[in-house]
Amino acid sequence: MPFTHGEGAREVQDRFDTRRLADAITATTVRDQLGENDRAFIERMDMFFIATQGADGRLDCSYKGGEPGFVRVLDERTVAFPSYDGNGQFMTAGNIVETGRVGMLFIDFANQRRMRLNGTASIDWADPLTAEWPGAQFTVRVAVEEVFPNCPRYIHKMQLVERSGFVPRAGCEAPEPEWKDHFEAALPAEQRARRAARRAGGRPAGG
């Protein structure tokens, strides 16, 4: 489906006389598939933001972080990423199950670049890709519909200090956050059993 500006966007464009500019930028930058430069950009990212919408119009915006390359470009029209253990609310996943409508924002703060990707996401609970990400609970695949860069002028230049020690990695057991100590009785049975085994072995359950 070709990219179109909504009536609201058109109203504001006309107010500020930017309809011609908007159309020119759209014609130049918006694509329905990923190129090699897009792949290289996405696959070196270690974080992104994702916006989703539920069937009742409920909105959610979430931060996702991982090791560089945790978002994979499977082909020119598909990207995939793992879902790691979180707070159990599954707001992003729930909205994907209901509507699949997603908007993804990748930002390279060090080099002050950003990219938007809009599309339709899906979850296959038996997706074979899940086993390829250590610690992944399931995989989300996104069918690309629109991909385009954004003007970088308001991106603050920031440098990475360190990556989160909670990101799952091959060959090591990721620590658990201390806040789970306060919800022990409500945790999934598998997590309660694992934490009990840790305590029995003399290791703290929390990270």
N, C-alpha and C. Protein backbone atom coordinates (compact mmCIF):
# COMPACT_ATOMS: atom_id res chain seq x y z
N MET A 1 0.85 -1.20 0.00
CA MET A 1 0.00 0.00 0.00
C MET A 1 0.89 1.24 0.00
N PRO A 2 0.71 2.15 -0.96
CA PRO A 2 1.54 3.35 -1.01
C PRO A 2 1.30 4.25 0.19
N PHE A 3 2.35 4.93 0.62
CA PHE A 3 2.26 5.83 1.77
C PHE A 3 1.34 7.00 1.44
N THR A 4 0.46 7.30 2.36
CA THR A 4 -0.44 8.44 2.20
C THR A 4 -0.47 9.26 3.48
N HIS A 5 -0.67 10.56 3.34
CA HIS A 5 -0.81 11.44 4.49
C HIS A 5 -2.28 11.49 4.90
N GLY A 6 -2.54 11.37 6.19
CA GLY A 6 -3.90 11.42 6.69
C GLY A 6 -4.49 12.82 6.60
N GLU A 7 -5.80 12.89 6.78
CA GLU A 7 -6.48 14.19 6.69
C GLU A 7 -5.95 15.17 7.73
N GLY A 8 -5.64 14.66 8.93
CA GLY A 8 -5.11 15.54 9.96
C GLY A 8 -3.78 16.12 9.57
N ALA A 9 -2.89 15.27 9.03
CA ALA A 9 -1.59 15.76 8.58
C ALA A 9 -1.75 16.79 7.48
N ARG A 10 -2.69 16.54 6.56
CA ARG A 10 -2.92 17.49 5.47
C ARG A 10 -3.42 18.83 6.01
N GLU A 11 -4.25 18.78 7.01
CA GLU A 11 -4.77 20.03 7.58
C GLU A 11 -3.64 20.88 8.16
N VAL A 12 -2.73 20.22 8.88
CA VAL A 12 -1.63 20.97 9.49
C VAL A 12 -0.63 21.40 8.43
N GLN A 13 -0.38 20.54 7.43
CA GLN A 13 0.51 20.94 6.34
C GLN A 13 -0.01 22.20 5.65
N ASP A 14 -1.29 22.25 5.38
CA ASP A 14 -1.86 23.41 4.71
C ASP A 14 -1.79 24.65 5.60
N ARG A 15 -1.93 24.45 6.88
CA ARG A 15 -1.83 25.59 7.80
C ARG A 15 -0.45 26.24 7.73
N PHE A 16 0.59 25.41 7.56
CA PHE A 16 1.96 25.93 7.52
C PHE A 16 2.57 25.88 6.13
N ASP A 17 1.74 25.66 5.10
CA ASP A 17 2.16 25.66 3.71
C ASP A 17 3.30 24.67 3.45
N THR A 18 3.17 23.45 3.99
CA THR A 18 4.22 22.44 3.78
C THR A 18 3.74 21.23 2.99
N ARG A 19 2.55 21.32 2.39
CA ARG A 19 2.05 20.17 1.64
C ARG A 19 3.01 19.80 0.51
N ARG A 20 3.50 20.79 -0.23
CA ARG A 20 4.42 20.50 -1.34
C ARG A 20 5.70 19.85 -0.82
N LEU A 21 6.21 20.38 0.30
CA LEU A 21 7.43 19.83 0.89
C LEU A 21 7.20 18.40 1.36
N ALA A 22 6.06 18.17 2.02
CA ALA A 22 5.75 16.82 2.50
C ALA A 22 5.67 15.83 1.36
N ASP A 23 5.03 16.22 0.29
CA ASP A 23 4.91 15.33 -0.86
C ASP A 23 6.27 15.07 -1.52
N ALA A 24 7.10 16.10 -1.58
CA ALA A 24 8.42 15.94 -2.20
C ALA A 24 9.29 15.01 -1.36
N ILE A 25 9.25 15.17 -0.03
CA ILE A 25 10.05 14.32 0.85
C ILE A 25 9.55 12.88 0.78
N THR A 26 8.23 12.71 0.80
CA THR A 26 7.66 11.37 0.72
C THR A 26 8.07 10.66 -0.55
N ALA A 27 7.98 11.37 -1.67
CA ALA A 27 8.32 10.77 -2.96
C ALA A 27 9.79 10.37 -3.03
N THR A 28 10.63 11.08 -2.28
CA THR A 28 12.08 10.86 -2.34
C THR A 28 12.56 9.80 -1.35
N THR A 29 11.93 9.75 -0.16
CA THR A 29 12.51 8.94 0.91
C THR A 29 11.73 7.70 1.32
N VAL A 30 10.41 7.70 1.16
CA VAL A 30 9.61 6.57 1.66
C VAL A 30 9.67 5.40 0.70
N ARG A 31 10.01 4.22 1.25
CA ARG A 31 10.11 3.01 0.44
C ARG A 31 9.28 1.91 1.10
N ASP A 32 8.98 0.87 0.33
CA ASP A 32 8.23 -0.26 0.87
C ASP A 32 9.10 -1.50 1.04
N GLN A 33 10.41 -1.31 0.95
CA GLN A 33 11.32 -2.41 1.17
C GLN A 33 12.67 -1.89 1.66
N LEU A 34 13.44 -2.77 2.24
CA LEU A 34 14.72 -2.41 2.81
C LEU A 34 15.85 -2.61 1.81
N GLY A 35 16.75 -1.64 1.76
CA GLY A 35 17.94 -1.77 0.94
C GLY A 35 19.12 -2.22 1.77
N GLU A 36 20.27 -2.35 1.16
CA GLU A 36 21.47 -2.81 1.87
C GLU A 36 21.91 -1.83 2.94
N ASN A 37 21.77 -0.53 2.68
CA ASN A 37 22.14 0.46 3.69
C ASN A 37 21.19 0.38 4.89
N ASP A 38 19.92 0.12 4.61
CA ASP A 38 18.94 -0.04 5.70
C ASP A 38 19.29 -1.26 6.55
N ARG A 39 19.63 -2.35 5.89
CA ARG A 39 20.01 -3.57 6.60
C ARG A 39 21.22 -3.31 7.51
N ALA A 40 22.23 -2.67 6.96
CA ALA A 40 23.43 -2.40 7.74
C ALA A 40 23.12 -1.53 8.95
N PHE A 41 22.25 -0.55 8.77
CA PHE A 41 21.89 0.35 9.87
C PHE A 41 21.14 -0.41 10.95
N ILE A 42 20.12 -1.15 10.57
CA ILE A 42 19.30 -1.86 11.55
C ILE A 42 20.11 -2.90 12.29
N GLU A 43 20.94 -3.64 11.58
CA GLU A 43 21.63 -4.78 12.20
C GLU A 43 22.83 -4.38 13.05
N ARG A 44 23.14 -3.10 13.13
CA ARG A 44 24.15 -2.68 14.10
C ARG A 44 23.53 -1.97 15.30
N MET A 45 22.21 -1.84 15.29
CA MET A 45 21.54 -1.20 16.41
C MET A 45 21.43 -2.14 17.61
N ASP A 46 21.50 -1.56 18.82
CA ASP A 46 21.31 -2.35 20.03
C ASP A 46 20.06 -1.93 20.80
N MET A 47 19.22 -1.11 20.18
CA MET A 47 17.96 -0.70 20.79
C MET A 47 17.05 -0.08 19.74
N PHE A 48 15.75 -0.06 20.05
CA PHE A 48 14.78 0.66 19.23
C PHE A 48 13.54 0.91 20.07
N PHE A 49 12.68 1.76 19.57
CA PHE A 49 11.38 2.01 20.19
C PHE A 49 10.30 1.44 19.29
N ILE A 50 9.25 0.90 19.89
CA ILE A 50 8.17 0.33 19.09
C ILE A 50 6.82 0.82 19.62
N ALA A 51 6.00 1.34 18.72
CA ALA A 51 4.64 1.78 19.05
C ALA A 51 3.66 0.76 18.51
N THR A 52 2.64 0.44 19.31
CA THR A 52 1.63 -0.53 18.89
C THR A 52 0.24 -0.01 19.25
N GLN A 53 -0.76 -0.60 18.60
CA GLN A 53 -2.15 -0.22 18.85
C GLN A 53 -3.00 -1.47 19.03
N GLY A 54 -3.83 -1.47 20.10
CA GLY A 54 -4.72 -2.58 20.35
C GLY A 54 -6.03 -2.43 19.60
N ALA A 55 -6.86 -3.46 19.68
CA ALA A 55 -8.13 -3.47 18.95
C ALA A 55 -9.07 -2.37 19.42
N ASP A 56 -8.94 -1.95 20.68
CA ASP A 56 -9.81 -0.90 21.21
C ASP A 56 -9.21 0.48 21.06
N GLY A 57 -8.12 0.58 20.29
CA GLY A 57 -7.45 1.85 20.08
C GLY A 57 -6.39 2.16 21.12
N ARG A 58 -6.24 1.30 22.11
CA ARG A 58 -5.25 1.50 23.16
C ARG A 58 -3.84 1.53 22.56
N LEU A 59 -3.05 2.50 22.98
CA LEU A 59 -1.72 2.68 22.43
C LEU A 59 -0.65 2.28 23.45
N ASP A 60 0.50 1.87 22.94
CA ASP A 60 1.63 1.57 23.79
C ASP A 60 2.90 1.90 23.03
N CYS A 61 3.87 2.43 23.75
CA CYS A 61 5.19 2.69 23.17
C CYS A 61 6.21 2.08 24.11
N SER A 62 7.11 1.27 23.56
CA SER A 62 8.04 0.53 24.40
C SER A 62 9.46 0.61 23.86
N TYR A 63 10.40 0.56 24.79
CA TYR A 63 11.82 0.49 24.44
C TYR A 63 12.25 -0.97 24.41
N LYS A 64 13.02 -1.35 23.41
CA LYS A 64 13.55 -2.71 23.32
C LYS A 64 15.07 -2.63 23.17
N GLY A 65 15.78 -3.37 24.00
CA GLY A 65 17.24 -3.36 23.94
C GLY A 65 17.81 -4.76 23.85
N GLY A 66 18.99 -4.87 23.31
CA GLY A 66 19.65 -6.17 23.18
C GLY A 66 21.09 -5.98 22.75
N GLU A 67 21.71 -7.07 22.36
CA GLU A 67 23.05 -7.00 21.80
C GLU A 67 22.97 -6.40 20.39
N PRO A 68 24.03 -5.73 19.90
CA PRO A 68 24.01 -5.23 18.53
C PRO A 68 23.66 -6.34 17.55
N GLY A 69 22.70 -6.06 16.67
CA GLY A 69 22.28 -7.06 15.71
C GLY A 69 21.14 -7.93 16.18
N PHE A 70 20.56 -7.62 17.36
CA PHE A 70 19.47 -8.47 17.82
C PHE A 70 18.21 -8.31 16.97
N VAL A 71 18.11 -7.23 16.23
CA VAL A 71 17.05 -7.11 15.22
C VAL A 71 17.66 -7.59 13.89
N ARG A 72 17.02 -8.54 13.27
CA ARG A 72 17.54 -9.12 12.05
C ARG A 72 16.69 -8.71 10.84
N VAL A 73 17.35 -8.44 9.76
CA VAL A 73 16.68 -8.22 8.48
C VAL A 73 16.68 -9.57 7.76
N LEU A 74 15.52 -10.19 7.69
CA LEU A 74 15.43 -11.52 7.08
C LEU A 74 15.41 -11.46 5.56
N ASP A 75 14.77 -10.42 5.05
CA ASP A 75 14.79 -10.16 3.62
C ASP A 75 14.37 -8.70 3.44
N GLU A 76 14.22 -8.28 2.20
CA GLU A 76 13.97 -6.86 1.95
C GLU A 76 12.63 -6.37 2.48
N ARG A 77 11.76 -7.29 2.87
CA ARG A 77 10.44 -6.90 3.36
C ARG A 77 10.12 -7.45 4.76
N THR A 78 11.11 -8.01 5.45
CA THR A 78 10.82 -8.62 6.75
C THR A 78 11.96 -8.39 7.74
N VAL A 79 11.62 -7.95 8.94
CA VAL A 79 12.58 -7.90 10.03
C VAL A 79 12.03 -8.74 11.18
N ALA A 80 12.91 -9.18 12.06
CA ALA A 80 12.50 -10.00 13.20
C ALA A 80 13.32 -9.61 14.41
N PHE A 81 12.70 -9.75 15.59
CA PHE A 81 13.42 -9.48 16.83
C PHE A 81 12.88 -10.37 17.94
N PRO A 82 13.69 -10.65 18.97
CA PRO A 82 13.26 -11.51 20.06
C PRO A 82 12.52 -10.71 21.13
N SER A 83 11.65 -11.39 21.85
CA SER A 83 11.04 -10.81 23.05
C SER A 83 11.67 -11.50 24.25
N TYR A 84 12.28 -10.70 25.12
CA TYR A 84 12.92 -11.22 26.32
C TYR A 84 11.98 -11.11 27.52
N ASP A 85 12.35 -11.76 28.59
CA ASP A 85 11.59 -11.69 29.83
C ASP A 85 11.44 -10.24 30.27
N GLY A 86 10.21 -9.86 30.65
CA GLY A 86 9.95 -8.50 31.10
C GLY A 86 9.14 -8.51 32.38
N ASN A 87 8.14 -7.64 32.43
CA ASN A 87 7.32 -7.56 33.65
C ASN A 87 6.04 -8.38 33.55
N GLY A 88 5.92 -9.18 32.50
CA GLY A 88 4.79 -10.09 32.38
C GLY A 88 3.50 -9.47 31.90
N GLN A 89 3.51 -8.18 31.58
CA GLN A 89 2.28 -7.53 31.13
C GLN A 89 2.06 -7.72 29.63
N PHE A 90 3.12 -7.87 28.86
CA PHE A 90 3.03 -8.15 27.42
C PHE A 90 2.14 -7.15 26.69
N MET A 91 2.35 -5.87 26.96
CA MET A 91 1.53 -4.85 26.29
C MET A 91 1.85 -4.76 24.80
N THR A 92 3.14 -4.82 24.45
CA THR A 92 3.50 -4.81 23.03
C THR A 92 2.97 -6.06 22.33
N ALA A 93 3.26 -7.22 22.92
CA ALA A 93 2.82 -8.48 22.31
C ALA A 93 1.31 -8.56 22.22
N GLY A 94 0.62 -8.10 23.26
CA GLY A 94 -0.84 -8.14 23.24
C GLY A 94 -1.43 -7.32 22.11
N ASN A 95 -0.89 -6.13 21.90
CA ASN A 95 -1.38 -5.30 20.80
C ASN A 95 -1.06 -5.94 19.45
N ILE A 96 0.10 -6.60 19.36
CA ILE A 96 0.44 -7.27 18.11
C ILE A 96 -0.54 -8.40 17.83
N VAL A 97 -0.88 -9.16 18.86
CA VAL A 97 -1.86 -10.23 18.69
C VAL A 97 -3.20 -9.67 18.21
N GLU A 98 -3.58 -8.50 18.73
CA GLU A 98 -4.89 -7.93 18.39
C GLU A 98 -4.94 -7.29 17.02
N THR A 99 -3.95 -6.46 16.69
CA THR A 99 -4.01 -5.73 15.41
C THR A 99 -2.77 -5.90 14.54
N GLY A 100 -1.63 -6.13 15.15
CA GLY A 100 -0.39 -6.27 14.38
C GLY A 100 0.20 -4.95 13.90
N ARG A 101 -0.47 -3.84 14.14
CA ARG A 101 0.01 -2.57 13.62
C ARG A 101 1.16 -2.04 14.48
N VAL A 102 2.32 -1.80 13.86
CA VAL A 102 3.48 -1.35 14.61
C VAL A 102 4.21 -0.24 13.88
N GLY A 103 4.86 0.59 14.67
CA GLY A 103 5.79 1.58 14.16
C GLY A 103 7.09 1.44 14.93
N MET A 104 8.20 1.31 14.24
CA MET A 104 9.49 1.12 14.89
C MET A 104 10.39 2.32 14.61
N LEU A 105 11.10 2.76 15.63
CA LEU A 105 12.00 3.90 15.49
C LEU A 105 13.39 3.48 15.96
N PHE A 106 14.35 3.51 15.04
CA PHE A 106 15.74 3.19 15.34
C PHE A 106 16.52 4.50 15.40
N ILE A 107 17.31 4.70 16.47
CA ILE A 107 18.09 5.92 16.62
C ILE A 107 19.55 5.57 16.91
N ASP A 108 20.44 6.11 16.11
CA ASP A 108 21.87 6.01 16.35
C ASP A 108 22.29 7.34 16.97
N PHE A 109 22.36 7.37 18.31
CA PHE A 109 22.66 8.62 19.00
C PHE A 109 24.09 9.07 18.78
N ALA A 110 25.01 8.12 18.66
CA ALA A 110 26.41 8.49 18.48
C ALA A 110 26.65 9.20 17.16
N ASN A 111 25.97 8.73 16.11
CA ASN A 111 26.16 9.32 14.78
C ASN A 111 24.99 10.20 14.35
N GLN A 112 24.01 10.37 15.26
CA GLN A 112 22.86 11.26 15.03
C GLN A 112 22.12 10.92 13.73
N ARG A 113 21.65 9.68 13.70
CA ARG A 113 20.84 9.21 12.57
C ARG A 113 19.63 8.48 13.12
N ARG A 114 18.55 8.46 12.34
CA ARG A 114 17.38 7.69 12.76
C ARG A 114 16.62 7.17 11.54
N MET A 115 15.86 6.12 11.79
CA MET A 115 15.08 5.49 10.73
C MET A 115 13.75 5.04 11.30
N ARG A 116 12.69 5.23 10.54
CA ARG A 116 11.37 4.74 10.91
C ARG A 116 11.01 3.54 10.04
N LEU A 117 10.30 2.60 10.65
CA LEU A 117 9.81 1.43 9.92
C LEU A 117 8.41 1.14 10.41
N ASN A 118 7.46 1.16 9.51
CA ASN A 118 6.06 0.85 9.84
C ASN A 118 5.67 -0.45 9.14
N GLY A 119 4.82 -1.22 9.80
CA GLY A 119 4.41 -2.45 9.16
C GLY A 119 3.41 -3.24 9.99
N THR A 120 3.26 -4.51 9.63
CA THR A 120 2.35 -5.41 10.32
C THR A 120 3.16 -6.52 10.97
N ALA A 121 3.02 -6.65 12.29
CA ALA A 121 3.78 -7.64 13.04
C ALA A 121 2.95 -8.88 13.32
N SER A 122 3.63 -9.98 13.51
CA SER A 122 2.96 -11.24 13.85
C SER A 122 3.84 -12.05 14.78
N ILE A 123 3.19 -12.96 15.52
CA ILE A 123 3.91 -13.84 16.44
C ILE A 123 3.51 -15.28 16.15
N ASP A 124 4.51 -16.11 15.89
CA ASP A 124 4.31 -17.55 15.75
C ASP A 124 5.00 -18.17 16.96
N TRP A 125 4.21 -18.75 17.87
CA TRP A 125 4.77 -19.26 19.12
C TRP A 125 5.74 -20.41 18.88
N ALA A 126 5.74 -20.98 17.71
CA ALA A 126 6.67 -22.07 17.38
C ALA A 126 7.72 -21.63 16.37
N ASP A 127 7.96 -20.33 16.27
CA ASP A 127 8.91 -19.80 15.30
C ASP A 127 10.30 -20.40 15.56
N PRO A 128 10.91 -21.03 14.55
CA PRO A 128 12.23 -21.64 14.76
C PRO A 128 13.33 -20.63 15.06
N LEU A 129 13.12 -19.37 14.72
CA LEU A 129 14.13 -18.36 14.99
C LEU A 129 14.34 -18.15 16.49
N THR A 130 13.33 -18.40 17.30
CA THR A 130 13.41 -18.13 18.73
C THR A 130 14.61 -18.81 19.37
N ALA A 131 14.91 -20.01 18.94
CA ALA A 131 16.04 -20.76 19.52
C ALA A 131 17.39 -20.12 19.20
N GLU A 132 17.43 -19.22 18.24
CA GLU A 132 18.69 -18.61 17.84
C GLU A 132 19.06 -17.40 18.69
N TRP A 133 18.13 -16.92 19.51
CA TRP A 133 18.43 -15.82 20.43
C TRP A 133 18.47 -16.36 21.85
N PRO A 134 19.60 -16.35 22.53
CA PRO A 134 19.64 -16.81 23.92
C PRO A 134 18.65 -16.02 24.78
N GLY A 135 17.84 -16.74 25.55
CA GLY A 135 16.92 -16.09 26.46
C GLY A 135 15.63 -15.57 25.85
N ALA A 136 15.43 -15.79 24.56
CA ALA A 136 14.21 -15.29 23.91
C ALA A 136 13.00 -16.12 24.32
N GLN A 137 11.88 -15.45 24.59
CA GLN A 137 10.63 -16.14 24.88
C GLN A 137 9.85 -16.46 23.60
N PHE A 138 9.92 -15.55 22.64
CA PHE A 138 9.29 -15.76 21.34
C PHE A 138 9.86 -14.74 20.37
N THR A 139 9.50 -14.88 19.11
CA THR A 139 10.00 -14.01 18.05
C THR A 139 8.86 -13.19 17.46
N VAL A 140 9.14 -11.94 17.18
CA VAL A 140 8.20 -11.08 16.46
C VAL A 140 8.75 -10.83 15.06
N ARG A 141 7.93 -11.08 14.07
CA ARG A 141 8.31 -10.76 12.69
C ARG A 141 7.46 -9.58 12.22
N VAL A 142 8.08 -8.66 11.51
CA VAL A 142 7.38 -7.48 11.01
C VAL A 142 7.48 -7.43 9.49
N ALA A 143 6.31 -7.42 8.84
CA ALA A 143 6.25 -7.25 7.39
C ALA A 143 6.36 -5.76 7.09
N VAL A 144 7.39 -5.38 6.40
CA VAL A 144 7.68 -3.96 6.14
C VAL A 144 6.68 -3.37 5.16
N GLU A 145 6.12 -2.22 5.52
CA GLU A 145 5.23 -1.50 4.63
C GLU A 145 5.79 -0.14 4.25
N GLU A 146 6.43 0.51 5.20
CA GLU A 146 7.02 1.83 4.96
C GLU A 146 8.32 1.94 5.74
N VAL A 147 9.36 2.40 5.09
CA VAL A 147 10.64 2.63 5.75
C VAL A 147 11.21 3.92 5.22
N PHE A 148 11.67 4.76 6.13
CA PHE A 148 12.20 6.05 5.70
C PHE A 148 13.05 6.68 6.80
N PRO A 149 14.05 7.48 6.41
CA PRO A 149 14.86 8.21 7.39
C PRO A 149 14.11 9.45 7.84
N ASN A 150 14.59 10.03 8.94
CA ASN A 150 14.06 11.30 9.42
C ASN A 150 15.19 12.32 9.54
N CYS A 151 14.85 13.58 9.46
CA CYS A 151 15.84 14.65 9.67
C CYS A 151 16.50 14.47 11.04
N PRO A 152 17.84 14.46 11.10
CA PRO A 152 18.52 14.17 12.36
C PRO A 152 18.84 15.39 13.23
N ARG A 153 18.40 16.58 12.85
CA ARG A 153 18.95 17.78 13.50
C ARG A 153 18.63 17.90 14.98
N TYR A 154 17.57 17.28 15.47
CA TYR A 154 17.24 17.41 16.89
C TYR A 154 17.66 16.19 17.71
N ILE A 155 18.42 15.29 17.10
CA ILE A 155 18.92 14.14 17.84
C ILE A 155 20.10 14.57 18.69
N HIS A 156 20.02 14.37 19.99
CA HIS A 156 21.12 14.69 20.87
C HIS A 156 22.25 13.68 20.66
N LYS A 157 23.46 14.16 20.60
CA LYS A 157 24.61 13.27 20.41
C LYS A 157 24.99 12.67 21.75
N MET A 158 24.93 11.34 21.84
CA MET A 158 25.25 10.65 23.08
C MET A 158 26.15 9.47 22.79
N GLN A 159 26.97 9.13 23.75
CA GLN A 159 27.87 8.00 23.63
C GLN A 159 27.47 6.89 24.59
N LEU A 160 27.62 5.66 24.16
CA LEU A 160 27.31 4.51 25.00
C LEU A 160 28.30 4.40 26.15
N VAL A 161 27.79 4.26 27.38
CA VAL A 161 28.63 4.04 28.55
C VAL A 161 28.82 2.54 28.77
N GLU A 162 27.72 1.82 28.85
CA GLU A 162 27.78 0.37 28.93
C GLU A 162 26.42 -0.20 28.57
N ARG A 163 26.43 -1.43 28.07
CA ARG A 163 25.18 -2.11 27.75
C ARG A 163 24.65 -2.80 28.99
N SER A 164 23.36 -3.00 29.02
CA SER A 164 22.72 -3.61 30.17
C SER A 164 23.26 -5.01 30.44
N GLY A 165 23.56 -5.27 31.70
CA GLY A 165 24.03 -6.59 32.09
C GLY A 165 22.92 -7.62 32.14
N PHE A 166 21.67 -7.18 31.94
CA PHE A 166 20.53 -8.10 31.97
C PHE A 166 20.22 -8.70 30.61
N VAL A 167 20.84 -8.19 29.55
CA VAL A 167 20.58 -8.72 28.21
C VAL A 167 21.07 -10.16 28.14
N PRO A 168 20.23 -11.11 27.73
CA PRO A 168 20.66 -12.51 27.65
C PRO A 168 21.82 -12.68 26.66
N ARG A 169 22.76 -13.52 27.05
CA ARG A 169 23.92 -13.81 26.22
C ARG A 169 24.19 -15.31 26.22
N ALA A 170 24.73 -15.79 25.14
CA ALA A 170 25.02 -17.22 25.03
C ALA A 170 26.07 -17.61 26.07
N GLY A 171 25.86 -18.76 26.70
CA GLY A 171 26.86 -19.29 27.61
C GLY A 171 26.83 -18.76 29.02
N CYS A 172 25.88 -17.88 29.33
CA CYS A 172 25.80 -17.37 30.70
C CYS A 172 24.33 -17.14 31.07
N GLU A 173 24.06 -17.26 32.36
CA GLU A 173 22.71 -17.09 32.85
C GLU A 173 22.49 -15.63 33.22
N ALA A 174 21.50 -14.99 32.62
CA ALA A 174 21.24 -13.58 32.89
C ALA A 174 20.71 -13.41 34.31
N PRO A 175 21.14 -12.35 35.00
CA PRO A 175 20.60 -12.10 36.34
C PRO A 175 19.15 -11.65 36.27
N GLU A 176 18.46 -11.70 37.38
CA GLU A 176 17.09 -11.23 37.44
C GLU A 176 17.04 -9.92 38.22
N PRO A 177 16.11 -9.04 37.88
CA PRO A 177 16.02 -7.76 38.58
C PRO A 177 15.51 -7.93 40.01
N GLU A 178 15.94 -7.03 40.89
CA GLU A 178 15.56 -7.11 42.30
C GLU A 178 14.07 -6.90 42.52
N TRP A 179 13.40 -6.19 41.60
CA TRP A 179 11.98 -5.92 41.82
C TRP A 179 11.15 -7.20 41.85
N LYS A 180 11.67 -8.28 41.24
CA LYS A 180 10.92 -9.53 41.27
C LYS A 180 10.82 -10.12 42.68
N ASP A 181 11.74 -9.71 43.56
CA ASP A 181 11.67 -10.18 44.94
C ASP A 181 10.36 -9.77 45.60
N HIS A 182 9.83 -8.63 45.19
CA HIS A 182 8.60 -8.10 45.80
C HIS A 182 7.33 -8.75 45.23
N PHE A 183 7.49 -9.53 44.15
CA PHE A 183 6.34 -10.17 43.51
C PHE A 183 6.55 -11.68 43.42
N GLU A 184 7.32 -12.23 44.33
CA GLU A 184 7.68 -13.64 44.29
C GLU A 184 6.46 -14.55 44.13
N ALA A 185 5.43 -14.31 44.91
CA ALA A 185 4.27 -15.21 44.89
C ALA A 185 3.50 -15.15 43.58
N ALA A 186 3.66 -14.05 42.84
CA ALA A 186 2.90 -13.88 41.59
C ALA A 186 3.70 -14.28 40.36
N LEU A 187 4.96 -14.63 40.52
CA LEU A 187 5.79 -14.97 39.37
C LEU A 187 5.33 -16.28 38.73
N PRO A 188 5.62 -16.49 37.44
CA PRO A 188 5.32 -17.77 36.80
C PRO A 188 5.98 -18.91 37.56
N ALA A 189 5.35 -20.07 37.53
CA ALA A 189 5.84 -21.21 38.30
C ALA A 189 7.28 -21.56 37.94
N GLU A 190 7.62 -21.47 36.67
CA GLU A 190 8.98 -21.83 36.24
C GLU A 190 10.00 -20.88 36.86
N GLN A 191 9.66 -19.59 36.93
CA GLN A 191 10.58 -18.63 37.53
C GLN A 191 10.71 -18.84 39.03
N ARG A 192 9.61 -19.15 39.70
CA ARG A 192 9.68 -19.41 41.14
C ARG A 192 10.58 -20.61 41.42
N ALA A 193 10.45 -21.65 40.61
CA ALA A 193 11.27 -22.84 40.80
C ALA A 193 12.74 -22.54 40.56
N ARG A 194 13.04 -21.77 39.54
CA ARG A 194 14.43 -21.44 39.23
C ARG A 194 15.04 -20.59 40.34
N ARG A 195 14.28 -19.64 40.85
CA ARG A 195 14.78 -18.79 41.91
C ARG A 195 14.99 -19.60 43.20
N ALA A 196 14.10 -20.54 43.46
CA ALA A 196 14.26 -21.38 44.64
C ALA A 196 15.52 -22.23 44.52
N ALA A 197 15.79 -22.73 43.31
CA ALA A 197 17.00 -23.53 43.10
C ALA A 197 18.25 -22.69 43.28
N ARG A 198 18.19 -21.45 42.85
CA ARG A 198 19.34 -20.56 43.05
C ARG A 198 19.61 -20.34 44.54
N ARG A 199 18.54 -20.09 45.27
CA ARG A 199 18.72 -19.85 46.72
C ARG A 199 19.25 -21.09 47.40
N ALA A 200 18.77 -22.26 46.97
CA ALA A 200 19.24 -23.50 47.57
C ALA A 200 20.72 -23.73 47.29
N GLY A 201 21.16 -23.19 46.16
CA GLY A 201 22.57 -23.34 45.81
C GLY A 201 23.44 -22.24 46.37
N GLY A 202 22.83 -21.35 47.15
CA GLY A 202 23.61 -20.29 47.78
C GLY A 202 23.81 -19.07 46.93
N ARG A 203 23.06 -18.97 45.81
CA ARG A 203 23.19 -17.79 44.94
C ARG A 203 21.96 -16.92 45.10
N PRO A 204 22.12 -15.60 45.06
CA PRO A 204 20.97 -14.72 45.20
C PRO A 204 20.06 -14.83 43.99
N ALA A 205 18.74 -14.71 44.22
CA ALA A 205 17.78 -14.78 43.11
C ALA A 205 17.75 -13.50 42.33
N GLY A 206 17.90 -12.38 42.99
CA GLY A 206 17.84 -11.09 42.32
C GLY A 206 19.16 -10.69 41.74
N GLY A 207 19.09 -9.77 40.69
CA GLY A 207 20.30 -9.28 40.08
C GLY A 207 20.62 -7.89 40.57
